[in-house]
Amino acid sequence: MRGLVAAVSFLTVAPVPAGFAPGREDLARAAPWFPVAGLLIGAALAAVDMLAMTVAPLAPSAVVTVIAMSLVSGGLHLDGLADTADGMLSRAPRERVIGIMKDSRSGPMGVFAVAGTLMLKAAALFSLAPEGRMAAVFLAALAGRCAMAAALNLGTDARGPEGLGAALRARASSMTAAWVFGVLAAAGWLAAGMAGVWVALAAAMVTALLGFLAHRIIGGWTGDVYGALCELVEAMALLVMAMFVTGGLR
């Protein structure tokens, strides 16, 4: 259970139980528990969306839900998205890209990436009928955490053994990557039928594409890229659900 507590602590701003402070050994156990943490996060966000729809019109309630999705991590994943966009879209040499990503200030590409992602999430969520929104929010949150778990078990860490990713991937296994996407596909089928399976496929494709770009540009994954992955997968999951409902995917 320490692995689950470490996963929840790492992925959310939820308070850590008294006397528990995840160490490197706990983080090494955390990645396989990311899907379970994603289930919990998704259920909580679906409840937030249901409550938002009962007290506000559909458009504002969609924005409230998207804000809640970002606040779960304290905005950390959005910060990772901004840093990743600023660095990887700069066309600078590898070391310069990593330096840009470490800079706490956001440049124009970072602002553009964050604003575009948030608007896409809100628009996709608003386009869904109320009865389908909760499933979409649940699957988006789960997909983001499953994608992070898969990424931690594939590829390398760009910052070497001193990076946080090195601790998280200490017990990396391709079987874990398969397991997390299997959980996502099964949960997707149960929650939304074929649309949920499409969400799992889209999450796998975004993970593969971002992983390819990260390895090509900076030599592997970083904490910022993991955060960017979660945000991008969430947005893609909501978009896929919206496209399926409107007939774009069958």
C-alpha atoms as a PDB file:
ATOM      1  CA  MET A   1       0.000   0.000   0.000  1.00  0.00           C
ATOM      2  CA  ARG A   2       2.964   2.352   0.408  1.00  0.00           C
ATOM      3  CA  GLY A   3       3.285   2.298  -3.368  1.00  0.00           C
ATOM      4  CA  LEU A   4      -0.308   3.497  -3.747  1.00  0.00           C
ATOM      5  CA  VAL A   5       0.149   6.228  -1.143  1.00  0.00           C
ATOM      6  CA  ALA A   6       3.341   7.303  -2.907  1.00  0.00           C
ATOM      7  CA  ALA A   7       1.514   7.389  -6.244  1.00  0.00           C
ATOM      8  CA  VAL A   8      -1.334   9.507  -4.856  1.00  0.00           C
ATOM      9  CA  SER A   9       1.150  11.797  -3.114  1.00  0.00           C
ATOM     10  CA  PHE A  10       3.196  12.202  -6.292  1.00  0.00           C
ATOM     11  CA  LEU A  11       0.219  12.789  -8.605  1.00  0.00           C
ATOM     12  CA  THR A  12      -1.972  15.016  -6.448  1.00  0.00           C
ATOM     13  CA  VAL A  13      -1.914  17.724  -3.819  1.00  0.00           C
ATOM     14  CA  ALA A  14      -3.675  15.402  -1.366  1.00  0.00           C
ATOM     15  CA  PRO A  15      -2.056  15.592   2.086  1.00  0.00           C
ATOM     16  CA  VAL A  16       0.337  12.785   2.957  1.00  0.00           C
ATOM     17  CA  PRO A  17      -0.668  10.714   6.014  1.00  0.00           C
ATOM     18  CA  ALA A  18       1.092  11.684   9.229  1.00  0.00           C
ATOM     19  CA  GLY A  19       4.491  10.065   9.519  1.00  0.00           C
ATOM     20  CA  PHE A  20       4.649   9.078   5.845  1.00  0.00           C
ATOM     21  CA  ALA A  21       7.141  10.731   3.508  1.00  0.00           C
ATOM     22  CA  PRO A  22       7.741   8.768   0.292  1.00  0.00           C
ATOM     23  CA  GLY A  23      11.400   7.909  -0.239  1.00  0.00           C
ATOM     24  CA  ARG A  24      13.154   6.615  -3.353  1.00  0.00           C
ATOM     25  CA  GLU A  25      12.169   3.021  -2.534  1.00  0.00           C
ATOM     26  CA  ASP A  26       8.518   4.033  -2.237  1.00  0.00           C
ATOM     27  CA  LEU A  27       8.696   5.941  -5.511  1.00  0.00           C
ATOM     28  CA  ALA A  28      10.138   2.837  -7.158  1.00  0.00           C
ATOM     29  CA  ARG A  29       6.919   1.037  -6.193  1.00  0.00           C
ATOM     30  CA  ALA A  30       4.648   3.909  -7.235  1.00  0.00           C
ATOM     31  CA  ALA A  31       4.443   3.606 -11.051  1.00  0.00           C
ATOM     32  CA  PRO A  32       2.394   0.355 -11.154  1.00  0.00           C
ATOM     33  CA  TRP A  33      -0.095   2.063  -8.828  1.00  0.00           C
ATOM     34  CA  PHE A  34      -0.627   5.068 -11.116  1.00  0.00           C
ATOM     35  CA  PRO A  35      -3.714   3.466 -12.754  1.00  0.00           C
ATOM     36  CA  VAL A  36      -5.286   2.921  -9.336  1.00  0.00           C
ATOM     37  CA  ALA A  37      -4.529   6.509  -8.383  1.00  0.00           C
ATOM     38  CA  GLY A  38      -5.993   7.511 -11.759  1.00  0.00           C
ATOM     39  CA  LEU A  39      -9.198   5.650 -10.950  1.00  0.00           C
ATOM     40  CA  LEU A  40      -9.502   7.559  -7.696  1.00  0.00           C
ATOM     41  CA  ILE A  41      -8.689  10.900  -9.309  1.00  0.00           C
ATOM     42  CA  GLY A  42     -11.091  10.224 -12.181  1.00  0.00           C
ATOM     43  CA  ALA A  43     -13.930   9.318  -9.815  1.00  0.00           C
ATOM     44  CA  ALA A  44     -13.356  12.484  -7.778  1.00  0.00           C
ATOM     45  CA  LEU A  45     -13.292  14.690 -10.880  1.00  0.00           C
ATOM     46  CA  ALA A  46     -16.419  13.036 -12.291  1.00  0.00           C
ATOM     47  CA  ALA A  47     -18.168  13.910  -9.016  1.00  0.00           C
ATOM     48  CA  VAL A  48     -16.934  17.503  -9.354  1.00  0.00           C
ATOM     49  CA  ASP A  49     -18.328  17.637 -12.887  1.00  0.00           C
ATOM     50  CA  MET A  50     -21.700  16.299 -11.758  1.00  0.00           C
ATOM     51  CA  LEU A  51     -21.871  18.898  -8.996  1.00  0.00           C
ATOM     52  CA  ALA A  52     -20.798  21.680 -11.370  1.00  0.00           C
ATOM     53  CA  MET A  53     -23.565  20.769 -13.825  1.00  0.00           C
ATOM     54  CA  THR A  54     -26.180  20.941 -11.067  1.00  0.00           C
ATOM     55  CA  VAL A  55     -25.305  24.500 -10.054  1.00  0.00           C
ATOM     56  CA  ALA A  56     -24.133  26.125 -13.316  1.00  0.00           C
ATOM     57  CA  PRO A  57     -24.967  26.103 -17.059  1.00  0.00           C
ATOM     58  CA  LEU A  58     -23.122  23.608 -19.224  1.00  0.00           C
ATOM     59  CA  ALA A  59     -20.439  25.949 -20.582  1.00  0.00           C
ATOM     60  CA  PRO A  60     -19.332  27.452 -17.237  1.00  0.00           C
ATOM     61  CA  SER A  61     -19.539  24.051 -15.565  1.00  0.00           C
ATOM     62  CA  ALA A  62     -17.211  22.629 -18.227  1.00  0.00           C
ATOM     63  CA  VAL A  63     -14.691  25.362 -17.433  1.00  0.00           C
ATOM     64  CA  VAL A  64     -15.004  24.651 -13.706  1.00  0.00           C
ATOM     65  CA  THR A  65     -14.304  20.969 -14.316  1.00  0.00           C
ATOM     66  CA  VAL A  66     -11.255  21.736 -16.457  1.00  0.00           C
ATOM     67  CA  ILE A  67      -9.946  24.012 -13.709  1.00  0.00           C
ATOM     68  CA  ALA A  68     -10.443  21.206 -11.201  1.00  0.00           C
ATOM     69  CA  MET A  69      -8.552  18.809 -13.478  1.00  0.00           C
ATOM     70  CA  SER A  70      -5.565  21.176 -13.365  1.00  0.00           C
ATOM     71  CA  LEU A  71      -5.763  21.865  -9.640  1.00  0.00           C
ATOM     72  CA  VAL A  72      -5.539  18.154  -8.763  1.00  0.00           C
ATOM     73  CA  SER A  73      -1.787  18.362  -9.318  1.00  0.00           C
ATOM     74  CA  GLY A  74      -1.507  21.936  -8.089  1.00  0.00           C
ATOM     75  CA  GLY A  75      -0.957  23.061 -11.670  1.00  0.00           C
ATOM     76  CA  LEU A  76       2.286  21.070 -11.817  1.00  0.00           C
ATOM     77  CA  HIS A  77       1.366  19.263 -15.016  1.00  0.00           C
ATOM     78  CA  LEU A  78       0.420  22.523 -16.729  1.00  0.00           C
ATOM     79  CA  ASP A  79       3.791  23.928 -15.687  1.00  0.00           C
ATOM     80  CA  GLY A  80       5.424  20.883 -17.250  1.00  0.00           C
ATOM     81  CA  LEU A  81       3.457  21.447 -20.452  1.00  0.00           C
ATOM     82  CA  ALA A  82       4.569  25.082 -20.606  1.00  0.00           C
ATOM     83  CA  ASP A  83       8.224  24.229 -19.973  1.00  0.00           C
ATOM     84  CA  THR A  84       8.155  21.380 -22.482  1.00  0.00           C
ATOM     85  CA  ALA A  85       6.619  23.555 -25.193  1.00  0.00           C
ATOM     86  CA  ASP A  86       9.096  26.382 -24.563  1.00  0.00           C
ATOM     87  CA  GLY A  87      12.061  24.022 -24.712  1.00  0.00           C
ATOM     88  CA  MET A  88      11.183  21.441 -27.321  1.00  0.00           C
ATOM     89  CA  LEU A  89       9.722  23.956 -29.756  1.00  0.00           C
ATOM     90  CA  SER A  90      12.693  26.312 -29.476  1.00  0.00           C
ATOM     91  CA  ARG A  91      14.812  24.462 -32.065  1.00  0.00           C
ATOM     92  CA  ALA A  92      17.829  25.052 -29.811  1.00  0.00           C
ATOM     93  CA  PRO A  93      20.636  22.522 -29.130  1.00  0.00           C
ATOM     94  CA  ARG A  94      19.940  19.807 -26.554  1.00  0.00           C
ATOM     95  CA  GLU A  95      21.663  21.446 -23.583  1.00  0.00           C
ATOM     96  CA  ARG A  96      19.992  24.765 -24.336  1.00  0.00           C
ATOM     97  CA  VAL A  97      16.592  23.052 -24.545  1.00  0.00           C
ATOM     98  CA  ILE A  98      17.075  21.462 -21.127  1.00  0.00           C
ATOM     99  CA  GLY A  99      18.143  24.846 -19.751  1.00  0.00           C
ATOM    100  CA  ILE A 100      15.006  26.481 -21.133  1.00  0.00           C
ATOM    101  CA  MET A 101      12.855  23.761 -19.577  1.00  0.00           C
ATOM    102  CA  LYS A 102      14.464  24.358 -16.171  1.00  0.00           C
ATOM    103  CA  ASP A 103      13.636  28.085 -16.367  1.00  0.00           C
ATOM    104  CA  SER A 104      10.562  28.830 -14.237  1.00  0.00           C
ATOM    105  CA  ARG A 105       9.488  31.630 -16.587  1.00  0.00           C
ATOM    106  CA  SER A 106       7.082  30.790 -19.421  1.00  0.00           C
ATOM    107  CA  GLY A 107       7.718  31.956 -22.946  1.00  0.00           C
ATOM    108  CA  PRO A 108       5.220  32.485 -25.770  1.00  0.00           C
ATOM    109  CA  MET A 109       5.127  28.838 -26.843  1.00  0.00           C
ATOM    110  CA  GLY A 110       4.492  27.730 -23.276  1.00  0.00           C
ATOM    111  CA  VAL A 111       1.621  30.175 -22.866  1.00  0.00           C
ATOM    112  CA  PHE A 112       0.220  29.114 -26.227  1.00  0.00           C
ATOM    113  CA  ALA A 113       0.410  25.416 -25.310  1.00  0.00           C
ATOM    114  CA  VAL A 114      -1.305  25.894 -21.947  1.00  0.00           C
ATOM    115  CA  ALA A 115      -4.041  28.173 -23.292  1.00  0.00           C
ATOM    116  CA  GLY A 116      -4.684  25.948 -26.301  1.00  0.00           C
ATOM    117  CA  THR A 117      -4.851  22.780 -24.221  1.00  0.00           C
ATOM    118  CA  LEU A 118      -7.238  24.284 -21.669  1.00  0.00           C
ATOM    119  CA  MET A 119      -9.507  25.681 -24.380  1.00  0.00           C
ATOM    120  CA  LEU A 120      -9.537  22.351 -26.206  1.00  0.00           C
ATOM    121  CA  LYS A 121     -10.478  20.525 -23.009  1.00  0.00           C
ATOM    122  CA  ALA A 122     -13.301  22.933 -22.201  1.00  0.00           C
ATOM    123  CA  ALA A 123     -14.665  22.941 -25.759  1.00  0.00           C
ATOM    124  CA  ALA A 124     -14.592  19.145 -26.015  1.00  0.00           C
ATOM    125  CA  LEU A 125     -16.272  18.754 -22.634  1.00  0.00           C
ATOM    126  CA  PHE A 126     -18.952  21.309 -23.485  1.00  0.00           C
ATOM    127  CA  SER A 127     -19.739  19.478 -26.734  1.00  0.00           C
ATOM    128  CA  LEU A 128     -20.679  16.336 -24.820  1.00  0.00           C
ATOM    129  CA  ALA A 129     -24.192  15.678 -23.574  1.00  0.00           C
ATOM    130  CA  PRO A 130     -24.510  15.882 -19.760  1.00  0.00           C
ATOM    131  CA  GLU A 131     -25.033  12.134 -19.430  1.00  0.00           C
ATOM    132  CA  GLY A 132     -21.733  11.435 -21.206  1.00  0.00           C
ATOM    133  CA  ARG A 133     -19.585  14.057 -19.541  1.00  0.00           C
ATOM    134  CA  MET A 134     -18.873  12.240 -16.314  1.00  0.00           C
ATOM    135  CA  ALA A 135     -17.546   9.190 -18.164  1.00  0.00           C
ATOM    136  CA  ALA A 136     -15.385  11.435 -20.342  1.00  0.00           C
ATOM    137  CA  VAL A 137     -13.885  13.254 -17.348  1.00  0.00           C
ATOM    138  CA  PHE A 138     -13.269   9.974 -15.551  1.00  0.00           C
ATOM    139  CA  LEU A 139     -11.522   8.413 -18.547  1.00  0.00           C
ATOM    140  CA  ALA A 140      -9.473  11.520 -19.322  1.00  0.00           C
ATOM    141  CA  ALA A 141      -8.058  11.619 -15.793  1.00  0.00           C
ATOM    142  CA  LEU A 142      -7.361   7.882 -15.820  1.00  0.00           C
ATOM    143  CA  ALA A 143      -5.793   8.034 -19.283  1.00  0.00           C
ATOM    144  CA  GLY A 144      -3.390  10.786 -18.244  1.00  0.00           C
ATOM    145  CA  ARG A 145      -2.073   8.805 -15.271  1.00  0.00           C
ATOM    146  CA  CYS A 146      -1.892   5.541 -17.212  1.00  0.00           C
ATOM    147  CA  ALA A 147       0.117   7.281 -19.922  1.00  0.00           C
ATOM    148  CA  MET A 148       2.559   8.597 -17.322  1.00  0.00           C
ATOM    149  CA  ALA A 149       2.961   5.117 -15.845  1.00  0.00           C
ATOM    150  CA  ALA A 150       3.615   3.641 -19.289  1.00  0.00           C
ATOM    151  CA  ALA A 151       6.156   6.348 -20.107  1.00  0.00           C
ATOM    152  CA  LEU A 152       7.995   5.659 -16.853  1.00  0.00           C
ATOM    153  CA  ASN A 153       8.425   2.065 -17.983  1.00  0.00           C
ATOM    154  CA  LEU A 154       9.587   2.866 -21.508  1.00  0.00           C
ATOM    155  CA  GLY A 155      12.618   4.788 -22.729  1.00  0.00           C
ATOM    156  CA  THR A 156      15.218   6.585 -20.637  1.00  0.00           C
ATOM    157  CA  ASP A 157      15.524   9.575 -18.311  1.00  0.00           C
ATOM    158  CA  ALA A 158      17.117  12.599 -19.989  1.00  0.00           C
ATOM    159  CA  ARG A 159      18.727  13.815 -16.754  1.00  0.00           C
ATOM    160  CA  GLY A 160      20.362  10.529 -15.821  1.00  0.00           C
ATOM    161  CA  PRO A 161      20.327   8.735 -12.462  1.00  0.00           C
ATOM    162  CA  GLU A 162      19.951  11.954 -10.462  1.00  0.00           C
ATOM    163  CA  GLY A 163      16.571  12.760 -12.017  1.00  0.00           C
ATOM    164  CA  LEU A 164      13.290  12.037 -10.241  1.00  0.00           C
ATOM    165  CA  GLY A 165      12.282   9.819 -13.150  1.00  0.00           C
ATOM    166  CA  ALA A 166      15.206   7.525 -12.359  1.00  0.00           C
ATOM    167  CA  ALA A 167      13.694   6.782  -8.938  1.00  0.00           C
ATOM    168  CA  LEU A 168      10.252   6.208 -10.398  1.00  0.00           C
ATOM    169  CA  ARG A 169      11.569   3.895 -13.094  1.00  0.00           C
ATOM    170  CA  ALA A 170      13.830   1.893 -10.769  1.00  0.00           C
ATOM    171  CA  ARG A 171      11.636  -1.162 -11.361  1.00  0.00           C
ATOM    172  CA  ALA A 172      10.722  -0.365 -14.932  1.00  0.00           C
ATOM    173  CA  SER A 173       9.218  -3.133 -17.011  1.00  0.00           C
ATOM    174  CA  SER A 174       7.551  -3.264 -20.398  1.00  0.00           C
ATOM    175  CA  MET A 175       4.985  -5.547 -18.760  1.00  0.00           C
ATOM    176  CA  THR A 176       3.944  -2.675 -16.509  1.00  0.00           C
ATOM    177  CA  ALA A 177       3.393  -0.480 -19.569  1.00  0.00           C
ATOM    178  CA  ALA A 178       1.198  -3.194 -21.080  1.00  0.00           C
ATOM    179  CA  TRP A 179      -0.679  -3.597 -17.786  1.00  0.00           C
ATOM    180  CA  VAL A 180      -1.541   0.094 -17.446  1.00  0.00           C
ATOM    181  CA  PHE A 181      -2.891   0.375 -20.987  1.00  0.00           C
ATOM    182  CA  GLY A 182      -4.810  -2.857 -20.417  1.00  0.00           C
ATOM    183  CA  VAL A 183      -6.422  -1.315 -17.340  1.00  0.00           C
ATOM    184  CA  LEU A 184      -7.254   1.817 -19.342  1.00  0.00           C
ATOM    185  CA  ALA A 185      -8.802  -0.156 -22.214  1.00  0.00           C
ATOM    186  CA  ALA A 186     -10.875  -2.283 -19.833  1.00  0.00           C
ATOM    187  CA  ALA A 187     -12.053   0.722 -17.825  1.00  0.00           C
ATOM    188  CA  GLY A 188     -12.779   2.569 -21.062  1.00  0.00           C
ATOM    189  CA  TRP A 189     -14.922  -0.270 -22.376  1.00  0.00           C
ATOM    190  CA  LEU A 190     -16.872  -0.504 -19.129  1.00  0.00           C
ATOM    191  CA  ALA A 191     -17.377   3.266 -18.875  1.00  0.00           C
ATOM    192  CA  ALA A 192     -18.052   4.206 -22.487  1.00  0.00           C
ATOM    193  CA  GLY A 193     -17.973   1.149 -24.745  1.00  0.00           C
ATOM    194  CA  MET A 194     -15.997   1.481 -27.962  1.00  0.00           C
ATOM    195  CA  ALA A 195     -15.389   5.179 -27.325  1.00  0.00           C
ATOM    196  CA  GLY A 196     -13.414   4.214 -24.227  1.00  0.00           C
ATOM    197  CA  VAL A 197     -11.274   1.803 -26.249  1.00  0.00           C
ATOM    198  CA  TRP A 198     -10.525   4.631 -28.685  1.00  0.00           C
ATOM    199  CA  VAL A 199      -9.417   6.724 -25.709  1.00  0.00           C
ATOM    200  CA  ALA A 200      -6.917   4.010 -24.746  1.00  0.00           C
ATOM    201  CA  LEU A 201      -5.587   3.837 -28.306  1.00  0.00           C
ATOM    202  CA  ALA A 202      -5.258   7.620 -28.495  1.00  0.00           C
ATOM    203  CA  ALA A 203      -3.419   7.696 -25.165  1.00  0.00           C
ATOM    204  CA  ALA A 204      -0.957   5.078 -26.414  1.00  0.00           C
ATOM    205  CA  MET A 205      -0.346   7.028 -29.632  1.00  0.00           C
ATOM    206  CA  VAL A 206       0.252  10.334 -27.812  1.00  0.00           C
ATOM    207  CA  THR A 207       2.631   8.585 -25.406  1.00  0.00           C
ATOM    208  CA  ALA A 208       4.587   7.043 -28.282  1.00  0.00           C
ATOM    209  CA  LEU A 209       4.757  10.300 -30.245  1.00  0.00           C
ATOM    210  CA  LEU A 210       5.809  12.499 -27.336  1.00  0.00           C
ATOM    211  CA  GLY A 211       8.316   9.859 -26.225  1.00  0.00           C
ATOM    212  CA  PHE A 212       9.831   9.766 -29.710  1.00  0.00           C
ATOM    213  CA  LEU A 213      10.144  13.566 -29.802  1.00  0.00           C
ATOM    214  CA  ALA A 214      11.582  13.753 -26.282  1.00  0.00           C
ATOM    215  CA  HIS A 215      14.237  11.125 -27.024  1.00  0.00           C
ATOM    216  CA  ARG A 216      15.127  12.779 -30.307  1.00  0.00           C
ATOM    217  CA  ILE A 217      15.346  16.332 -28.938  1.00  0.00           C
ATOM    218  CA  ILE A 218      16.640  15.960 -25.372  1.00  0.00           C
ATOM    219  CA  GLY A 219      17.579  12.290 -25.078  1.00  0.00           C
ATOM    220  CA  GLY A 220      14.656  11.033 -23.001  1.00  0.00           C
ATOM    221  CA  TRP A 221      11.918  11.874 -20.545  1.00  0.00           C
ATOM    222  CA  THR A 222      11.991  14.551 -17.829  1.00  0.00           C
ATOM    223  CA  GLY A 223       9.512  15.518 -15.118  1.00  0.00           C
ATOM    224  CA  ASP A 224       8.277  18.352 -17.320  1.00  0.00           C
ATOM    225  CA  VAL A 225       7.632  15.997 -20.234  1.00  0.00           C
ATOM    226  CA  TYR A 226       5.694  13.617 -17.982  1.00  0.00           C
ATOM    227  CA  GLY A 227       3.494  16.525 -16.913  1.00  0.00           C
ATOM    228  CA  ALA A 228       3.021  17.597 -20.512  1.00  0.00           C
ATOM    229  CA  LEU A 229       2.081  14.025 -21.413  1.00  0.00           C
ATOM    230  CA  CYS A 230      -0.665  13.935 -18.783  1.00  0.00           C
ATOM    231  CA  GLU A 231      -2.157  17.219 -20.000  1.00  0.00           C
ATOM    232  CA  LEU A 232      -2.011  16.265 -23.675  1.00  0.00           C
ATOM    233  CA  VAL A 233      -3.496  12.819 -23.095  1.00  0.00           C
ATOM    234  CA  GLU A 234      -6.340  14.308 -21.045  1.00  0.00           C
ATOM    235  CA  ALA A 235      -7.121  16.758 -23.843  1.00  0.00           C
ATOM    236  CA  MET A 236      -6.952  14.025 -26.477  1.00  0.00           C
ATOM    237  CA  ALA A 237      -9.201  11.752 -24.414  1.00  0.00           C
ATOM    238  CA  LEU A 238     -11.897  14.428 -24.140  1.00  0.00           C
ATOM    239  CA  LEU A 239     -11.557  15.204 -27.850  1.00  0.00           C
ATOM    240  CA  VAL A 240     -11.881  11.533 -28.797  1.00  0.00           C
ATOM    241  CA  MET A 241     -15.009  11.186 -26.657  1.00  0.00           C
ATOM    242  CA  ALA A 242     -16.504  14.277 -28.297  1.00  0.00           C
ATOM    243  CA  MET A 243     -15.616  13.053 -31.795  1.00  0.00           C
ATOM    244  CA  PHE A 244     -17.123   9.642 -31.108  1.00  0.00           C
ATOM    245  CA  VAL A 245     -20.381  11.140 -29.890  1.00  0.00           C
ATOM    246  CA  THR A 246     -20.659  13.465 -32.901  1.00  0.00           C
ATOM    247  CA  GLY A 247     -19.912  10.654 -35.342  1.00  0.00           C
ATOM    248  CA  GLY A 248     -16.312  11.537 -36.152  1.00  0.00           C
ATOM    249  CA  LEU A 249     -15.153   8.140 -34.896  1.00  0.00           C
ATOM    250  CA  ARG A 250     -17.078   4.862 -35.145  1.00  0.00           C
END
